Amino acid sequence: MPFEFERQKIKDVILIKPKVFGDNRGFFMESYKKSDFYENGIDVEFNQDNHSKSSKGVLRGLHYQAKPYGQAKIVRCGRGRIYDVAVDIRPSSPTFGQYVKVELSEENKYMLYIPVGFAHGFVALSDEVELLYKASGEYAPQADRGILWSDKDINIDWNIDFEPLLSEKDSKQPKLCEINKKEIE
């Protein structure tokens, strides 16, 4: 199988380690194979691909879409290095308010599966970062929501020694306790 699937401390979040075939010419890897993903519990139909570029210190998130426009994502870092974070915002979940943080990079080529009901964010750790991700739903501006990246109730350890660069929108997001929980599940 060209992938290893590792369930994280929140079991619905899955770290995906692709098998990379490399030599002096470069490398080849599969980044998605529906049958393998379905066999390992990622039985989601993806219908939008996204690509973003950020410079060092940029923090994007924590973002999600309200129902019925929720998005599952498979995130990978094609260039550079990031800390990627998924926060469980499903009100009925026993892990509500908890998060998973992993390092994704062009070197390790890992991917993170984030199901519907999670807020997502990342911080760029290298000079340039390109993030590629698959989404199960199309972007719906009317459902665009977020949570403050520094919410003390979530207490994410971003493990950074600098003040992150934020968009105006991300600097003014509500805290987890302020979101409309009826919009999630």
N, C-alpha and C. Protein backbone atom coordinates (compact mmCIF):
# COMPACT_ATOMS: atom_id res chain seq x y z
N MET A 1 0.84 -1.18 0.00
CA MET A 1 0.00 0.00 0.00
C MET A 1 0.89 1.25 0.00
N PRO A 2 0.54 2.23 -0.80
CA PRO A 2 1.41 3.41 -0.90
C PRO A 2 1.23 4.43 0.23
N PHE A 3 0.44 4.09 1.28
CA PHE A 3 0.21 5.03 2.37
C PHE A 3 0.21 4.30 3.70
N GLU A 4 0.62 5.03 4.76
CA GLU A 4 0.39 4.61 6.13
C GLU A 4 -0.64 5.59 6.68
N PHE A 5 -1.63 5.08 7.41
CA PHE A 5 -2.67 5.91 7.99
C PHE A 5 -2.56 5.80 9.51
N GLU A 6 -2.30 6.92 10.18
CA GLU A 6 -2.13 6.93 11.64
C GLU A 6 -3.19 7.81 12.28
N ARG A 7 -4.08 7.17 13.02
CA ARG A 7 -5.09 7.94 13.76
C ARG A 7 -4.39 8.72 14.86
N GLN A 8 -4.83 9.95 15.06
CA GLN A 8 -4.21 10.84 16.03
C GLN A 8 -4.92 10.75 17.37
N LYS A 9 -4.54 11.59 18.34
CA LYS A 9 -5.15 11.53 19.67
C LYS A 9 -6.65 11.79 19.60
N ILE A 10 -7.10 12.55 18.61
CA ILE A 10 -8.52 12.62 18.28
C ILE A 10 -8.68 11.68 17.10
N LYS A 11 -9.29 10.53 17.32
CA LYS A 11 -9.22 9.41 16.37
C LYS A 11 -9.76 9.72 14.98
N ASP A 12 -10.61 10.73 14.85
CA ASP A 12 -11.17 11.06 13.54
C ASP A 12 -10.18 11.82 12.66
N VAL A 13 -9.11 12.33 13.25
CA VAL A 13 -8.07 13.04 12.50
C VAL A 13 -6.99 12.01 12.18
N ILE A 14 -6.59 11.96 10.91
CA ILE A 14 -5.67 10.91 10.47
C ILE A 14 -4.45 11.52 9.78
N LEU A 15 -3.26 11.14 10.26
CA LEU A 15 -2.02 11.52 9.60
C LEU A 15 -1.75 10.48 8.51
N ILE A 16 -1.49 10.97 7.30
CA ILE A 16 -1.27 10.09 6.16
C ILE A 16 0.19 10.24 5.72
N LYS A 17 0.89 9.12 5.70
CA LYS A 17 2.29 9.11 5.29
C LYS A 17 2.40 8.37 3.96
N PRO A 18 2.63 9.10 2.88
CA PRO A 18 2.73 8.44 1.58
C PRO A 18 4.07 7.74 1.41
N LYS A 19 4.07 6.69 0.61
CA LYS A 19 5.32 6.04 0.25
C LYS A 19 5.94 6.87 -0.87
N VAL A 20 7.18 7.26 -0.68
CA VAL A 20 7.87 8.12 -1.64
C VAL A 20 8.97 7.31 -2.31
N PHE A 21 8.97 7.33 -3.63
CA PHE A 21 9.98 6.63 -4.41
C PHE A 21 10.93 7.69 -4.95
N GLY A 22 12.14 7.71 -4.42
CA GLY A 22 13.09 8.74 -4.82
C GLY A 22 14.41 8.18 -5.30
N ASP A 23 15.05 8.95 -6.16
CA ASP A 23 16.40 8.63 -6.62
C ASP A 23 17.08 9.94 -7.02
N ASN A 24 18.20 9.85 -7.73
CA ASN A 24 18.95 11.06 -8.06
C ASN A 24 18.20 11.98 -9.03
N ARG A 25 17.11 11.51 -9.63
CA ARG A 25 16.32 12.35 -10.54
C ARG A 25 15.23 13.14 -9.83
N GLY A 26 14.89 12.72 -8.61
CA GLY A 26 13.78 13.36 -7.88
C GLY A 26 12.97 12.31 -7.16
N PHE A 27 11.64 12.45 -7.18
CA PHE A 27 10.79 11.49 -6.49
C PHE A 27 9.45 11.35 -7.19
N PHE A 28 8.72 10.30 -6.80
CA PHE A 28 7.34 10.08 -7.21
C PHE A 28 6.59 9.60 -5.99
N MET A 29 5.35 10.08 -5.85
CA MET A 29 4.47 9.60 -4.79
C MET A 29 3.03 9.79 -5.23
N GLU A 30 2.17 8.95 -4.70
CA GLU A 30 0.74 9.16 -4.87
C GLU A 30 0.29 10.06 -3.73
N SER A 31 -0.49 11.09 -4.04
CA SER A 31 -0.99 11.97 -2.97
C SER A 31 -2.44 11.67 -2.63
N TYR A 32 -3.11 10.90 -3.46
CA TYR A 32 -4.48 10.50 -3.17
C TYR A 32 -4.82 9.27 -4.00
N LYS A 33 -5.45 8.30 -3.36
CA LYS A 33 -5.94 7.10 -4.05
C LYS A 33 -7.23 6.71 -3.35
N LYS A 34 -8.33 6.97 -4.00
CA LYS A 34 -9.66 6.82 -3.42
C LYS A 34 -9.84 5.47 -2.72
N SER A 35 -9.45 4.38 -3.36
CA SER A 35 -9.68 3.05 -2.77
C SER A 35 -8.92 2.88 -1.45
N ASP A 36 -7.67 3.31 -1.39
CA ASP A 36 -6.89 3.20 -0.14
C ASP A 36 -7.46 4.10 0.95
N PHE A 37 -7.84 5.31 0.58
CA PHE A 37 -8.40 6.24 1.55
C PHE A 37 -9.73 5.71 2.09
N TYR A 38 -10.60 5.22 1.22
CA TYR A 38 -11.88 4.67 1.66
C TYR A 38 -11.67 3.48 2.58
N GLU A 39 -10.73 2.63 2.22
CA GLU A 39 -10.44 1.43 3.02
C GLU A 39 -9.96 1.79 4.43
N ASN A 40 -9.41 2.99 4.59
CA ASN A 40 -8.87 3.42 5.88
C ASN A 40 -9.74 4.48 6.56
N GLY A 41 -11.02 4.50 6.22
CA GLY A 41 -11.97 5.33 6.94
C GLY A 41 -12.16 6.74 6.41
N ILE A 42 -11.48 7.09 5.33
CA ILE A 42 -11.66 8.41 4.74
C ILE A 42 -12.55 8.23 3.51
N ASP A 43 -13.83 8.01 3.79
CA ASP A 43 -14.80 7.71 2.73
C ASP A 43 -15.60 8.97 2.39
N VAL A 44 -14.86 9.96 1.95
CA VAL A 44 -15.40 11.27 1.66
C VAL A 44 -15.16 11.57 0.18
N GLU A 45 -16.12 12.17 -0.44
CA GLU A 45 -15.97 12.60 -1.83
C GLU A 45 -15.40 14.01 -1.84
N PHE A 46 -14.22 14.18 -2.42
CA PHE A 46 -13.59 15.49 -2.49
C PHE A 46 -13.91 16.14 -3.83
N ASN A 47 -14.30 17.42 -3.79
CA ASN A 47 -14.71 18.07 -5.03
C ASN A 47 -14.12 19.46 -5.24
N GLN A 48 -13.15 19.84 -4.42
CA GLN A 48 -12.46 21.12 -4.65
C GLN A 48 -11.01 20.98 -4.17
N ASP A 49 -10.08 21.46 -4.98
CA ASP A 49 -8.67 21.51 -4.58
C ASP A 49 -8.29 22.98 -4.40
N ASN A 50 -7.50 23.24 -3.35
CA ASN A 50 -7.06 24.60 -3.04
C ASN A 50 -5.54 24.63 -2.94
N HIS A 51 -4.98 25.80 -3.18
CA HIS A 51 -3.53 26.00 -3.14
C HIS A 51 -3.29 27.40 -2.60
N SER A 52 -2.53 27.50 -1.50
CA SER A 52 -2.22 28.82 -0.95
C SER A 52 -0.72 28.97 -0.78
N LYS A 53 -0.28 30.22 -0.78
CA LYS A 53 1.12 30.54 -0.56
C LYS A 53 1.20 31.52 0.59
N SER A 54 2.15 31.30 1.48
CA SER A 54 2.34 32.17 2.65
C SER A 54 3.82 32.36 2.90
N SER A 55 4.16 33.46 3.53
CA SER A 55 5.54 33.70 3.93
C SER A 55 5.71 33.35 5.41
N LYS A 56 6.95 33.28 5.84
CA LYS A 56 7.26 32.88 7.22
C LYS A 56 6.53 33.78 8.20
N GLY A 57 5.95 33.14 9.20
CA GLY A 57 5.27 33.87 10.26
C GLY A 57 3.78 34.06 10.02
N VAL A 58 3.29 33.76 8.83
CA VAL A 58 1.86 33.91 8.56
C VAL A 58 1.11 32.79 9.29
N LEU A 59 0.04 33.18 9.97
CA LEU A 59 -0.85 32.22 10.61
C LEU A 59 -2.23 32.41 10.00
N ARG A 60 -2.76 31.33 9.46
CA ARG A 60 -4.10 31.35 8.85
C ARG A 60 -5.00 30.44 9.68
N GLY A 61 -6.13 30.97 10.08
CA GLY A 61 -7.08 30.14 10.83
C GLY A 61 -7.47 30.80 12.13
N LEU A 62 -8.29 30.12 12.76
CA LEU A 62 -8.84 28.77 12.59
C LEU A 62 -10.16 28.86 11.81
N HIS A 63 -10.27 28.19 10.69
CA HIS A 63 -11.41 28.33 9.79
C HIS A 63 -12.26 27.07 9.71
N TYR A 64 -13.55 27.29 9.47
CA TYR A 64 -14.49 26.20 9.19
C TYR A 64 -15.69 26.79 8.45
N GLN A 65 -16.54 25.91 7.94
CA GLN A 65 -17.77 26.36 7.31
C GLN A 65 -18.96 25.79 8.06
N ALA A 66 -19.98 26.63 8.26
CA ALA A 66 -21.19 26.21 8.95
C ALA A 66 -21.96 25.20 8.11
N LYS A 67 -22.77 24.38 8.78
CA LYS A 67 -23.59 23.42 8.05
C LYS A 67 -24.63 24.17 7.24
N PRO A 68 -25.06 23.66 6.15
CA PRO A 68 -24.75 22.35 5.57
C PRO A 68 -23.53 22.38 4.66
N TYR A 69 -22.65 23.35 4.83
CA TYR A 69 -21.50 23.53 3.93
C TYR A 69 -20.18 23.07 4.55
N GLY A 70 -20.23 22.28 5.61
CA GLY A 70 -19.02 21.81 6.26
C GLY A 70 -18.07 21.13 5.27
N GLN A 71 -16.78 21.22 5.57
CA GLN A 71 -15.77 20.66 4.68
C GLN A 71 -14.84 19.72 5.44
N ALA A 72 -14.66 18.53 4.90
CA ALA A 72 -13.54 17.68 5.30
C ALA A 72 -12.38 18.09 4.42
N LYS A 73 -11.15 17.94 4.93
CA LYS A 73 -9.97 18.37 4.16
C LYS A 73 -8.86 17.33 4.27
N ILE A 74 -8.06 17.27 3.23
CA ILE A 74 -6.77 16.59 3.27
C ILE A 74 -5.75 17.67 2.95
N VAL A 75 -4.89 17.96 3.91
CA VAL A 75 -3.95 19.07 3.80
C VAL A 75 -2.54 18.53 3.62
N ARG A 76 -1.78 19.16 2.72
CA ARG A 76 -0.37 18.79 2.56
C ARG A 76 0.44 20.03 2.23
N CYS A 77 1.68 20.02 2.67
CA CYS A 77 2.59 21.14 2.43
C CYS A 77 3.52 20.76 1.28
N GLY A 78 3.32 21.39 0.14
CA GLY A 78 4.13 21.08 -1.03
C GLY A 78 5.46 21.80 -1.05
N ARG A 79 5.54 22.91 -0.32
CA ARG A 79 6.78 23.67 -0.25
C ARG A 79 6.90 24.27 1.14
N GLY A 80 8.05 24.11 1.75
CA GLY A 80 8.29 24.69 3.07
C GLY A 80 7.89 23.78 4.21
N ARG A 81 7.51 24.43 5.32
CA ARG A 81 7.22 23.70 6.56
C ARG A 81 6.19 24.47 7.37
N ILE A 82 5.21 23.75 7.93
CA ILE A 82 4.16 24.36 8.74
C ILE A 82 3.86 23.52 9.97
N TYR A 83 3.23 24.16 10.96
CA TYR A 83 2.48 23.43 11.98
C TYR A 83 1.03 23.53 11.54
N ASP A 84 0.39 22.39 11.40
CA ASP A 84 -1.00 22.32 10.98
C ASP A 84 -1.84 21.91 12.19
N VAL A 85 -2.97 22.59 12.38
CA VAL A 85 -3.79 22.38 13.57
C VAL A 85 -5.24 22.11 13.18
N ALA A 86 -5.82 21.10 13.83
CA ALA A 86 -7.25 20.78 13.67
C ALA A 86 -7.88 20.79 15.05
N VAL A 87 -8.93 21.60 15.23
CA VAL A 87 -9.62 21.74 16.52
C VAL A 87 -11.01 21.13 16.40
N ASP A 88 -11.34 20.21 17.30
CA ASP A 88 -12.65 19.58 17.32
C ASP A 88 -13.68 20.59 17.84
N ILE A 89 -14.61 20.98 16.98
CA ILE A 89 -15.64 21.94 17.39
C ILE A 89 -17.04 21.31 17.35
N ARG A 90 -17.10 19.98 17.34
CA ARG A 90 -18.38 19.27 17.36
C ARG A 90 -18.90 19.29 18.80
N PRO A 91 -19.99 20.00 19.07
CA PRO A 91 -20.47 20.17 20.45
C PRO A 91 -20.73 18.87 21.20
N SER A 92 -21.16 17.81 20.51
CA SER A 92 -21.47 16.56 21.20
C SER A 92 -20.27 15.62 21.30
N SER A 93 -19.11 16.04 20.82
CA SER A 93 -17.93 15.18 20.82
C SER A 93 -17.26 15.17 22.20
N PRO A 94 -16.78 13.99 22.64
CA PRO A 94 -16.04 13.95 23.91
C PRO A 94 -14.71 14.70 23.84
N THR A 95 -14.24 15.01 22.62
CA THR A 95 -12.98 15.76 22.47
C THR A 95 -13.23 17.20 22.03
N PHE A 96 -14.45 17.71 22.24
CA PHE A 96 -14.79 19.09 21.90
C PHE A 96 -13.77 20.05 22.52
N GLY A 97 -13.24 20.96 21.69
CA GLY A 97 -12.29 21.96 22.17
C GLY A 97 -10.85 21.48 22.21
N GLN A 98 -10.60 20.21 21.92
CA GLN A 98 -9.24 19.69 21.88
C GLN A 98 -8.70 19.80 20.47
N TYR A 99 -7.39 19.72 20.35
CA TYR A 99 -6.78 19.89 19.03
C TYR A 99 -5.68 18.87 18.77
N VAL A 100 -5.38 18.72 17.48
CA VAL A 100 -4.25 17.93 17.00
C VAL A 100 -3.33 18.89 16.27
N LYS A 101 -2.04 18.79 16.52
CA LYS A 101 -1.05 19.62 15.82
C LYS A 101 0.02 18.70 15.26
N VAL A 102 0.32 18.86 13.96
CA VAL A 102 1.37 18.08 13.33
C VAL A 102 2.23 19.00 12.46
N GLU A 103 3.46 18.58 12.26
CA GLU A 103 4.32 19.30 11.32
C GLU A 103 4.17 18.64 9.95
N LEU A 104 3.84 19.47 8.98
CA LEU A 104 3.79 19.02 7.59
C LEU A 104 4.87 19.78 6.85
N SER A 105 5.57 19.10 5.95
CA SER A 105 6.65 19.77 5.23
C SER A 105 6.87 19.13 3.86
N GLU A 106 7.60 19.86 3.04
CA GLU A 106 7.94 19.28 1.73
C GLU A 106 8.89 18.10 1.92
N GLU A 107 9.65 18.06 3.01
CA GLU A 107 10.55 16.94 3.27
C GLU A 107 9.79 15.69 3.70
N ASN A 108 8.90 15.80 4.70
CA ASN A 108 8.24 14.58 5.18
C ASN A 108 7.06 14.16 4.30
N LYS A 109 6.51 15.08 3.54
CA LYS A 109 5.42 14.81 2.59
C LYS A 109 4.17 14.25 3.25
N TYR A 110 4.04 14.41 4.57
CA TYR A 110 2.85 13.94 5.28
C TYR A 110 1.64 14.78 4.90
N MET A 111 0.48 14.18 5.09
CA MET A 111 -0.80 14.85 4.86
C MET A 111 -1.66 14.64 6.10
N LEU A 112 -2.60 15.56 6.32
CA LEU A 112 -3.49 15.44 7.47
C LEU A 112 -4.93 15.45 6.97
N TYR A 113 -5.68 14.41 7.38
CA TYR A 113 -7.11 14.37 7.10
C TYR A 113 -7.84 15.00 8.27
N ILE A 114 -8.67 15.99 7.95
CA ILE A 114 -9.45 16.73 8.95
C ILE A 114 -10.92 16.59 8.57
N PRO A 115 -11.73 15.92 9.41
CA PRO A 115 -13.13 15.71 9.05
C PRO A 115 -13.99 16.96 9.24
N VAL A 116 -15.21 16.91 8.73
CA VAL A 116 -16.20 17.95 8.99
C VAL A 116 -16.38 18.08 10.51
N GLY A 117 -16.58 19.29 10.98
CA GLY A 117 -16.76 19.51 12.41
C GLY A 117 -15.48 19.93 13.11
N PHE A 118 -14.46 20.26 12.32
CA PHE A 118 -13.19 20.72 12.87
C PHE A 118 -12.85 22.08 12.28
N ALA A 119 -12.24 22.93 13.08
CA ALA A 119 -11.67 24.17 12.58
C ALA A 119 -10.21 23.88 12.23
N HIS A 120 -9.72 24.55 11.19
CA HIS A 120 -8.38 24.28 10.69
C HIS A 120 -7.56 25.56 10.63
N GLY A 121 -6.27 25.44 10.96
CA GLY A 121 -5.35 26.56 10.83
C GLY A 121 -3.93 26.06 10.71
N PHE A 122 -3.04 26.96 10.32
CA PHE A 122 -1.63 26.61 10.24
C PHE A 122 -0.78 27.86 10.40
N VAL A 123 0.48 27.62 10.76
CA VAL A 123 1.46 28.70 10.83
C VAL A 123 2.65 28.31 9.95
N ALA A 124 3.11 29.27 9.14
CA ALA A 124 4.23 29.05 8.22
C ALA A 124 5.55 29.18 8.99
N LEU A 125 6.38 28.14 8.92
CA LEU A 125 7.64 28.11 9.66
C LEU A 125 8.86 28.37 8.78
N SER A 126 8.69 28.31 7.47
CA SER A 126 9.80 28.53 6.55
C SER A 126 9.54 29.80 5.75
N ASP A 127 10.57 30.26 5.03
CA ASP A 127 10.46 31.52 4.30
C ASP A 127 9.28 31.54 3.34
N GLU A 128 9.05 30.44 2.65
CA GLU A 128 7.89 30.32 1.75
C GLU A 128 7.21 29.00 2.01
N VAL A 129 5.88 29.05 2.00
CA VAL A 129 5.08 27.85 2.21
C VAL A 129 4.01 27.80 1.13
N GLU A 130 3.85 26.62 0.55
CA GLU A 130 2.73 26.39 -0.34
C GLU A 130 1.94 25.22 0.22
N LEU A 131 0.68 25.49 0.49
CA LEU A 131 -0.22 24.49 1.08
C LEU A 131 -1.22 24.07 0.02
N LEU A 132 -1.39 22.76 -0.12
CA LEU A 132 -2.34 22.20 -1.07
C LEU A 132 -3.34 21.37 -0.28
N TYR A 133 -4.61 21.55 -0.57
CA TYR A 133 -5.56 20.71 0.13
C TYR A 133 -6.81 20.44 -0.68
N LYS A 134 -7.33 19.25 -0.41
CA LYS A 134 -8.57 18.80 -1.01
C LYS A 134 -9.68 19.14 -0.01
N ALA A 135 -10.83 19.54 -0.53
CA ALA A 135 -11.98 19.85 0.32
C ALA A 135 -13.20 19.08 -0.19
N SER A 136 -14.01 18.63 0.75
CA SER A 136 -15.19 17.85 0.38
C SER A 136 -16.36 18.73 -0.04
N GLY A 137 -16.29 19.99 0.23
CA GLY A 137 -17.34 20.91 -0.16
C GLY A 137 -16.73 22.14 -0.80
N GLU A 138 -17.49 22.76 -1.64
CA GLU A 138 -17.01 23.99 -2.26
C GLU A 138 -17.07 25.14 -1.26
N TYR A 139 -16.23 26.14 -1.48
CA TYR A 139 -16.23 27.30 -0.63
C TYR A 139 -17.59 27.99 -0.71
N ALA A 140 -18.16 28.28 0.44
CA ALA A 140 -19.46 28.96 0.53
C ALA A 140 -19.27 30.19 1.41
N PRO A 141 -19.11 31.38 0.81
CA PRO A 141 -18.82 32.58 1.60
C PRO A 141 -19.85 32.86 2.70
N GLN A 142 -21.11 32.50 2.47
CA GLN A 142 -22.15 32.74 3.46
C GLN A 142 -22.00 31.83 4.69
N ALA A 143 -21.20 30.78 4.56
CA ALA A 143 -20.99 29.83 5.66
C ALA A 143 -19.59 29.95 6.27
N ASP A 144 -18.80 30.88 5.79
CA ASP A 144 -17.42 31.07 6.25
C ASP A 144 -17.41 31.50 7.72
N ARG A 145 -16.73 30.73 8.56
CA ARG A 145 -16.67 31.01 10.00
C ARG A 145 -15.24 30.81 10.49
N GLY A 146 -15.00 31.24 11.72
CA GLY A 146 -13.68 31.05 12.31
C GLY A 146 -13.71 31.15 13.82
N ILE A 147 -12.57 30.79 14.39
CA ILE A 147 -12.34 30.87 15.83
C ILE A 147 -10.99 31.54 16.04
N LEU A 148 -10.88 32.34 17.08
CA LEU A 148 -9.64 33.06 17.37
C LEU A 148 -8.49 32.08 17.60
N TRP A 149 -7.41 32.29 16.88
CA TRP A 149 -6.25 31.39 16.92
C TRP A 149 -5.64 31.28 18.32
N SER A 150 -5.81 32.32 19.14
CA SER A 150 -5.18 32.37 20.46
C SER A 150 -6.17 32.17 21.60
N ASP A 151 -7.32 31.59 21.32
CA ASP A 151 -8.35 31.35 22.33
C ASP A 151 -7.74 30.55 23.49
N LYS A 152 -7.78 31.14 24.67
CA LYS A 152 -7.17 30.51 25.86
C LYS A 152 -7.88 29.22 26.27
N ASP A 153 -9.16 29.08 25.92
CA ASP A 153 -9.87 27.85 26.27
C ASP A 153 -9.37 26.66 25.46
N ILE A 154 -8.90 26.91 24.25
CA ILE A 154 -8.32 25.83 23.44
C ILE A 154 -6.84 25.68 23.80
N ASN A 155 -6.17 26.82 23.97
CA ASN A 155 -4.77 26.86 24.42
C ASN A 155 -3.83 26.09 23.49
N ILE A 156 -3.87 26.43 22.22
CA ILE A 156 -3.00 25.77 21.24
C ILE A 156 -1.55 26.18 21.48
N ASP A 157 -0.69 25.19 21.55
CA ASP A 157 0.75 25.45 21.63
C ASP A 157 1.27 25.52 20.19
N TRP A 158 1.31 26.73 19.66
CA TRP A 158 1.79 26.92 18.29
C TRP A 158 3.30 26.72 18.19
N ASN A 159 3.99 26.71 19.34
CA ASN A 159 5.43 26.47 19.39
C ASN A 159 6.20 27.45 18.50
N ILE A 160 5.84 28.73 18.61
CA ILE A 160 6.52 29.78 17.83
C ILE A 160 7.05 30.84 18.79
N ASP A 161 8.15 31.46 18.40
CA ASP A 161 8.76 32.50 19.24
C ASP A 161 8.67 33.86 18.55
N PHE A 162 7.61 34.07 17.79
CA PHE A 162 7.40 35.33 17.08
C PHE A 162 5.91 35.65 17.11
N GLU A 163 5.60 36.91 16.88
CA GLU A 163 4.20 37.33 16.76
C GLU A 163 3.75 37.01 15.34
N PRO A 164 2.73 36.16 15.19
CA PRO A 164 2.33 35.75 13.84
C PRO A 164 1.70 36.89 13.05
N LEU A 165 1.79 36.78 11.73
CA LEU A 165 1.16 37.72 10.82
C LEU A 165 -0.24 37.20 10.53
N LEU A 166 -1.25 38.02 10.84
CA LEU A 166 -2.64 37.61 10.72
C LEU A 166 -3.39 38.52 9.76
N SER A 167 -4.41 37.98 9.13
CA SER A 167 -5.33 38.83 8.38
C SER A 167 -6.19 39.58 9.40
N GLU A 168 -6.79 40.67 8.95
CA GLU A 168 -7.68 41.41 9.85
C GLU A 168 -8.82 40.50 10.32
N LYS A 169 -9.35 39.71 9.39
CA LYS A 169 -10.45 38.78 9.72
C LYS A 169 -10.03 37.80 10.82
N ASP A 170 -8.84 37.20 10.67
CA ASP A 170 -8.40 36.21 11.65
C ASP A 170 -8.07 36.82 13.01
N SER A 171 -7.69 38.08 13.04
CA SER A 171 -7.37 38.72 14.32
C SER A 171 -8.62 39.07 15.12
N LYS A 172 -9.80 39.00 14.48
CA LYS A 172 -11.05 39.39 15.14
C LYS A 172 -12.05 38.25 15.25
N GLN A 173 -11.61 37.02 15.07
CA GLN A 173 -12.53 35.89 15.15
C GLN A 173 -13.04 35.72 16.59
N PRO A 174 -14.22 35.12 16.76
CA PRO A 174 -14.75 34.87 18.11
C PRO A 174 -14.01 33.71 18.79
N LYS A 175 -14.20 33.62 20.09
CA LYS A 175 -13.68 32.48 20.85
C LYS A 175 -14.61 31.29 20.65
N LEU A 176 -14.10 30.11 20.96
CA LEU A 176 -14.88 28.88 20.80
C LEU A 176 -16.20 28.97 21.56
N CYS A 177 -16.18 29.53 22.76
CA CYS A 177 -17.41 29.61 23.57
C CYS A 177 -18.43 30.57 22.97
N GLU A 178 -18.04 31.36 21.97
CA GLU A 178 -18.94 32.35 21.37
C GLU A 178 -19.54 31.90 20.04
N ILE A 179 -19.10 30.76 19.52
CA ILE A 179 -19.63 30.34 18.20
C ILE A 179 -21.02 29.75 18.36
N ASN A 180 -21.77 29.76 17.27
CA ASN A 180 -23.11 29.17 17.25
C ASN A 180 -22.98 27.68 17.04
N LYS A 181 -23.10 26.92 18.10
CA LYS A 181 -22.90 25.47 18.04
C LYS A 181 -23.93 24.76 17.16
N LYS A 182 -25.07 25.38 16.96
CA LYS A 182 -26.10 24.78 16.09
C LYS A 182 -25.65 24.77 14.63
N GLU A 183 -24.65 25.55 14.30
CA GLU A 183 -24.15 25.60 12.92
C GLU A 183 -23.14 24.49 12.60
N ILE A 184 -22.78 23.70 13.60
CA ILE A 184 -21.71 22.71 13.41
C ILE A 184 -22.28 21.34 13.08
N GLU A 185 -23.12 20.79 13.94
CA GLU A 185 -23.62 19.42 13.76
C GLU A 185 -25.03 19.42 13.21
